[in-house]
Amino acid sequence: AATANLTGTLTLDAQGDSTAVWIFQATSDLVTASSSVVRLVNGAQACNVFWQVTSSATLGTSTTFIGSILALTAITDNGSSNVQGRLLARNATTALNMTTITKPTCTSSSSSSSSSSSSSSSSTGGSKVCPVLSCVTPVIIESRRISPTSIFISWGPYAGINTFTVRYGLTNGNWIYSTNVTGFSTTLNALPPNQPIWILISPTDSCSIGTCGVAKLVGGPLLPNTGLAPNENNVPWVPIGIVILLPASLVAISRKRSI
């Protein structure tokens, strides 16, 4: 749609498939009317609903909204809306007004495979870290400082996922920087010159962040440049010269005394 206008109630029916995904694309704005509603039925999940907006999104007063809005420009709530999802504006502001935002969660599809497992899941709340994340714990396998302000790191294992969140800080647990990485290595730039940093890596996806690896202190200062090229086999030539010349001198002195 050019401008996506939501009025009344929009029902998203998964028909029992908890993996069903909805992606709404608007080539202009997204506008919801006051008291409009998006609701989920038959296994539909908020973490699987996305609204891609080429311009801006406006939520009318008291809108009940489901899904993550990804707006190129701005997002504005006119007041008292209830959002189960995320509001992400790229080039301008996200303006809230008595807005309630609830993080979207995924429930395990296996919990609905049988009545017994379903009842067990509901009794414990049914929320989870996405299945692929629960068995992936990143381990830093290489780290090196490549400039006074840059550090290269790589990690594993590689089972089932290739998206990670990398955090760092000057002290363990005080993370002042975070970036999302696709792959198993990255270079962190614009760091404090020659200062070691703590690194924490976690698998991540559109549902949540998984189990963190062990934080590690990396990036010791670079060794100073001595200005001298290394010698082959690391053997200096000066001491050898002394050892070779010294016996010859002693021989000459001995012969002179015998004469």
Protein backbone atom coordinates (compact mmCIF):
# COMPACT_ATOMS: atom_id res chain seq x y z
CA ALA A 1 0.00 0.00 0.00
CA ALA A 2 1.08 3.62 -0.48
CA THR A 3 -0.23 4.69 2.94
CA ALA A 4 -1.30 1.80 5.16
CA ASN A 5 -4.37 2.86 7.17
CA LEU A 6 -5.44 0.57 9.99
CA THR A 7 -8.96 1.00 11.33
CA GLY A 8 -11.06 -1.29 13.47
CA THR A 9 -9.59 -4.73 14.22
CA LEU A 10 -6.97 -6.63 12.22
CA THR A 11 -6.84 -10.34 13.11
CA LEU A 12 -3.73 -12.39 12.33
CA ASP A 13 -4.65 -16.10 12.27
CA ALA A 14 -1.73 -18.58 12.31
CA GLN A 15 -4.08 -21.57 11.91
CA GLY A 16 -2.06 -23.52 14.47
CA ASP A 17 1.36 -22.77 12.92
CA SER A 18 3.40 -20.88 15.52
CA THR A 19 6.15 -20.22 12.94
CA ALA A 20 3.84 -18.21 10.67
CA VAL A 21 5.34 -14.78 9.78
CA TRP A 22 3.60 -11.58 8.65
CA ILE A 23 5.48 -8.77 6.89
CA PHE A 24 3.49 -5.64 6.02
CA GLN A 25 5.17 -3.18 3.66
CA ALA A 26 4.05 0.41 3.17
CA THR A 27 5.66 2.52 0.44
CA SER A 28 4.67 5.65 2.37
CA ASP A 29 3.21 6.01 5.90
CA LEU A 30 1.57 3.70 8.40
CA VAL A 31 -1.36 5.32 10.21
CA THR A 32 -3.64 3.65 12.76
CA ALA A 33 -6.99 5.06 13.81
CA SER A 34 -7.81 5.74 17.45
CA SER A 35 -8.71 2.57 19.39
CA SER A 36 -7.75 0.35 16.45
CA VAL A 37 -6.59 -3.16 17.32
CA VAL A 38 -4.19 -5.80 15.97
CA ARG A 39 -4.85 -9.20 17.57
CA LEU A 40 -3.33 -12.66 17.31
CA VAL A 41 -5.20 -15.98 17.23
CA ASN A 42 -4.46 -19.70 16.77
CA GLY A 43 -0.76 -19.65 17.63
CA ALA A 44 0.26 -16.37 16.00
CA GLN A 45 3.22 -14.73 17.76
CA ALA A 46 4.15 -11.07 18.14
CA CYS A 47 7.82 -11.77 17.43
CA ASN A 48 6.83 -12.90 13.90
CA VAL A 49 4.98 -9.71 12.89
CA PHE A 50 6.87 -6.91 11.08
CA TRP A 51 5.80 -3.55 9.63
CA GLN A 52 8.24 -2.06 7.11
CA VAL A 53 7.43 1.63 6.65
CA THR A 54 9.19 3.66 3.94
CA SER A 55 8.27 6.98 5.56
CA SER A 56 6.77 7.50 9.05
CA ALA A 57 4.35 5.66 11.35
CA THR A 58 1.66 7.26 13.52
CA LEU A 59 -0.31 5.35 16.15
CA GLY A 60 -3.71 6.81 16.90
CA THR A 61 -4.79 7.33 20.50
CA SER A 62 -5.25 4.09 22.46
CA THR A 63 -4.14 1.83 19.63
CA THR A 64 -3.53 -1.83 20.58
CA PHE A 65 -0.68 -2.78 18.28
CA ILE A 66 1.20 -6.03 17.57
CA GLY A 67 4.59 -6.36 15.88
CA SER A 68 7.83 -4.51 15.22
CA ILE A 69 7.67 -1.25 13.27
CA LEU A 70 10.77 -0.50 11.18
CA ALA A 71 10.27 3.08 9.95
CA LEU A 72 12.71 4.91 7.70
CA THR A 73 11.82 8.30 9.20
CA ALA A 74 9.88 8.74 12.46
CA ILE A 75 7.38 7.00 14.73
CA THR A 76 4.80 8.91 16.80
CA ASP A 77 2.25 7.70 19.33
CA ASN A 78 -0.62 10.14 19.76
CA GLY A 79 -1.20 8.79 23.26
CA SER A 80 -1.80 5.75 25.49
CA SER A 81 -1.11 3.08 22.88
CA ASN A 82 -0.26 -0.47 23.93
CA VAL A 83 2.45 -2.07 21.78
CA GLN A 84 3.61 -5.68 21.93
CA GLY A 85 6.69 -5.40 19.77
CA ARG A 86 9.36 -2.81 18.97
CA LEU A 87 9.34 0.75 17.61
CA LEU A 88 12.47 1.39 15.51
CA ALA A 89 12.92 4.71 13.66
CA ARG A 90 16.02 5.05 11.52
CA ASN A 91 16.42 8.74 10.56
CA ALA A 92 14.30 10.66 13.06
CA THR A 93 12.68 10.35 16.48
CA THR A 94 10.42 7.84 18.18
CA ALA A 95 7.97 10.00 20.12
CA LEU A 96 6.13 8.22 22.96
CA ASN A 97 3.12 9.53 24.87
CA MET A 98 2.02 7.38 27.82
CA THR A 99 2.94 4.41 25.62
CA THR A 100 3.18 0.85 26.97
CA ILE A 101 5.70 -1.35 25.12
CA THR A 102 6.06 -5.07 25.81
CA LYS A 103 8.97 -7.06 24.41
CA PRO A 104 7.72 -9.69 21.93
CA THR A 105 8.48 -13.27 22.95
CA CYS A 106 8.49 -16.57 21.07
CA THR A 107 6.91 -19.67 22.54
CA SER A 108 8.29 -23.09 21.69
CA SER A 109 6.50 -24.76 18.79
CA SER A 110 7.09 -28.12 20.48
CA SER A 111 5.00 -26.98 23.44
CA SER A 112 1.88 -27.12 21.27
CA SER A 113 2.67 -30.51 19.69
CA SER A 114 0.68 -32.35 22.33
CA SER A 115 -1.85 -31.44 24.97
CA SER A 116 0.43 -32.62 27.77
CA SER A 117 3.42 -30.59 26.59
CA SER A 118 1.15 -27.61 25.96
CA SER A 119 -0.21 -27.65 29.50
CA SER A 120 3.32 -28.01 30.86
CA SER A 121 4.47 -25.02 28.84
CA SER A 122 1.56 -22.84 29.91
CA SER A 123 2.16 -23.62 33.55
CA THR A 124 5.71 -22.25 33.27
CA GLY A 125 4.77 -19.24 31.17
CA GLY A 126 5.72 -20.75 27.79
CA SER A 127 8.46 -18.22 27.02
CA LYS A 128 11.91 -19.24 25.84
CA VAL A 129 15.10 -18.26 24.18
CA CYS A 130 14.84 -19.24 20.51
CA PRO A 131 15.77 -22.95 20.22
CA VAL A 132 18.85 -22.51 18.04
CA LEU A 133 20.37 -20.09 20.57
CA SER A 134 20.08 -22.29 23.63
CA CYS A 135 22.83 -24.65 22.49
CA VAL A 136 25.28 -22.05 21.16
CA THR A 137 27.80 -20.51 23.57
CA PRO A 138 30.42 -18.45 21.69
CA VAL A 139 34.07 -18.90 22.65
CA ILE A 140 36.70 -16.34 21.63
CA ILE A 141 39.36 -18.29 19.73
CA GLU A 142 41.58 -15.43 18.50
CA SER A 143 42.22 -11.82 19.45
CA ARG A 144 44.96 -9.45 18.38
CA ARG A 145 45.57 -5.72 18.33
CA ILE A 146 46.10 -4.56 14.74
CA SER A 147 46.60 -0.88 15.54
CA PRO A 148 46.69 1.26 18.69
CA THR A 149 42.91 1.78 18.36
CA SER A 150 41.75 -1.46 16.68
CA ILE A 151 41.37 -5.08 17.85
CA PHE A 152 40.48 -8.11 15.71
CA ILE A 153 38.53 -10.98 17.32
CA SER A 154 37.09 -14.27 16.07
CA TRP A 155 34.97 -16.91 17.79
CA GLY A 156 33.15 -20.24 17.49
CA PRO A 157 31.34 -22.65 17.52
CA TYR A 158 29.46 -22.43 14.23
CA ALA A 159 26.44 -24.67 14.94
CA GLY A 160 23.14 -23.43 13.60
CA ILE A 161 23.58 -19.65 13.74
CA ASN A 162 25.83 -16.93 12.36
CA THR A 163 24.43 -13.78 14.00
CA PHE A 164 25.93 -12.46 17.23
CA THR A 165 25.93 -9.46 19.56
CA VAL A 166 29.41 -8.25 20.52
CA ARG A 167 29.79 -6.05 23.59
CA TYR A 168 32.88 -4.49 25.11
CA GLY A 169 33.88 -2.32 28.04
CA LEU A 170 36.92 -1.17 29.95
CA THR A 171 35.82 -3.23 32.97
CA ASN A 172 34.16 -6.65 33.08
CA GLY A 173 30.37 -6.26 33.15
CA ASN A 174 30.34 -2.54 32.31
CA TRP A 175 29.49 -2.77 28.61
CA ILE A 176 29.72 0.64 26.95
CA TYR A 177 29.52 -0.55 23.34
CA SER A 178 27.40 -3.09 21.46
CA THR A 179 27.25 -4.16 17.82
CA ASN A 180 25.52 -6.90 15.85
CA VAL A 181 27.75 -9.07 13.66
CA THR A 182 26.90 -11.57 10.93
CA GLY A 183 29.75 -14.08 10.77
CA PHE A 184 32.39 -15.23 13.20
CA SER A 185 34.86 -12.36 13.33
CA THR A 186 34.96 -8.58 13.50
CA THR A 187 37.36 -5.68 14.01
CA LEU A 188 36.51 -3.17 16.73
CA ASN A 189 37.71 0.32 15.86
CA ALA A 190 37.97 3.71 17.61
CA LEU A 191 39.06 2.08 20.88
CA PRO A 192 41.10 3.76 23.63
CA PRO A 193 44.71 3.64 22.35
CA ASN A 194 46.64 0.53 23.47
CA GLN A 195 44.20 -0.15 26.33
CA PRO A 196 42.98 -3.75 26.93
CA ILE A 197 39.20 -4.22 26.80
CA TRP A 198 36.74 -6.86 28.00
CA ILE A 199 34.74 -8.64 25.27
CA LEU A 200 31.40 -10.47 25.67
CA ILE A 201 29.79 -12.32 22.74
CA SER A 202 26.23 -13.70 22.59
CA PRO A 203 24.24 -15.41 19.82
CA THR A 204 21.21 -13.39 18.78
CA ASP A 205 18.28 -13.41 16.38
CA SER A 206 14.95 -11.62 15.91
CA CYS A 207 13.56 -13.32 19.00
CA SER A 208 16.13 -12.69 21.71
CA ILE A 209 19.74 -12.89 22.86
CA GLY A 210 21.03 -16.34 23.77
CA THR A 211 23.58 -17.64 26.25
CA CYS A 212 26.61 -15.37 26.61
CA GLY A 213 30.12 -16.71 26.29
CA VAL A 214 32.76 -16.08 28.94
CA ALA A 215 33.97 -12.49 29.05
CA LYS A 216 37.63 -12.17 28.06
CA LEU A 217 40.24 -9.44 28.45
CA VAL A 218 41.89 -8.84 25.05
CA GLY A 219 44.07 -6.33 23.22
CA GLY A 220 47.22 -5.73 25.22
CA PRO A 221 49.35 -2.77 24.06
CA LEU A 222 51.46 -3.11 20.93
CA LEU A 223 55.19 -3.66 21.43
CA PRO A 224 57.26 -0.54 20.63
CA ASN A 225 59.15 -0.42 17.33
CA THR A 226 62.90 -0.78 17.98
CA GLY A 227 63.86 0.38 14.50
CA LEU A 228 66.04 -2.73 13.96
CA ALA A 229 65.20 -5.57 11.62
CA PRO A 230 65.30 -9.05 13.21
CA ASN A 231 68.43 -11.17 12.65
CA GLU A 232 68.17 -14.62 11.13
CA ASN A 233 67.73 -17.23 13.86
CA ASN A 234 67.79 -14.34 16.36
CA VAL A 235 71.60 -14.64 16.76
CA PRO A 236 73.38 -11.28 17.17
CA TRP A 237 76.64 -10.85 15.22
CA VAL A 238 78.61 -8.66 17.63
CA PRO A 239 79.24 -11.26 20.38
CA ILE A 240 80.32 -13.78 17.75
CA GLY A 241 82.95 -11.35 16.44
CA ILE A 242 84.31 -10.91 19.93
CA VAL A 243 84.54 -14.66 20.48
CA ILE A 244 86.35 -15.17 17.15
CA LEU A 245 88.83 -12.30 17.45
CA LEU A 246 89.75 -12.80 21.07
CA PRO A 247 91.72 -16.10 20.62
CA ALA A 248 93.69 -14.60 17.72
CA SER A 249 94.81 -11.70 19.92
CA LEU A 250 95.91 -14.05 22.64
CA VAL A 251 97.96 -16.11 20.17
CA ALA A 252 99.75 -12.99 18.90
CA ILE A 253 100.61 -11.88 22.41
CA SER A 254 101.91 -15.35 23.28
CA ARG A 255 104.21 -15.46 20.26
CA LYS A 256 105.62 -12.03 21.00
CA ARG A 257 106.58 -13.03 24.53
CA SER A 258 108.28 -16.24 23.36
CA ILE A 259 110.49 -14.27 20.97
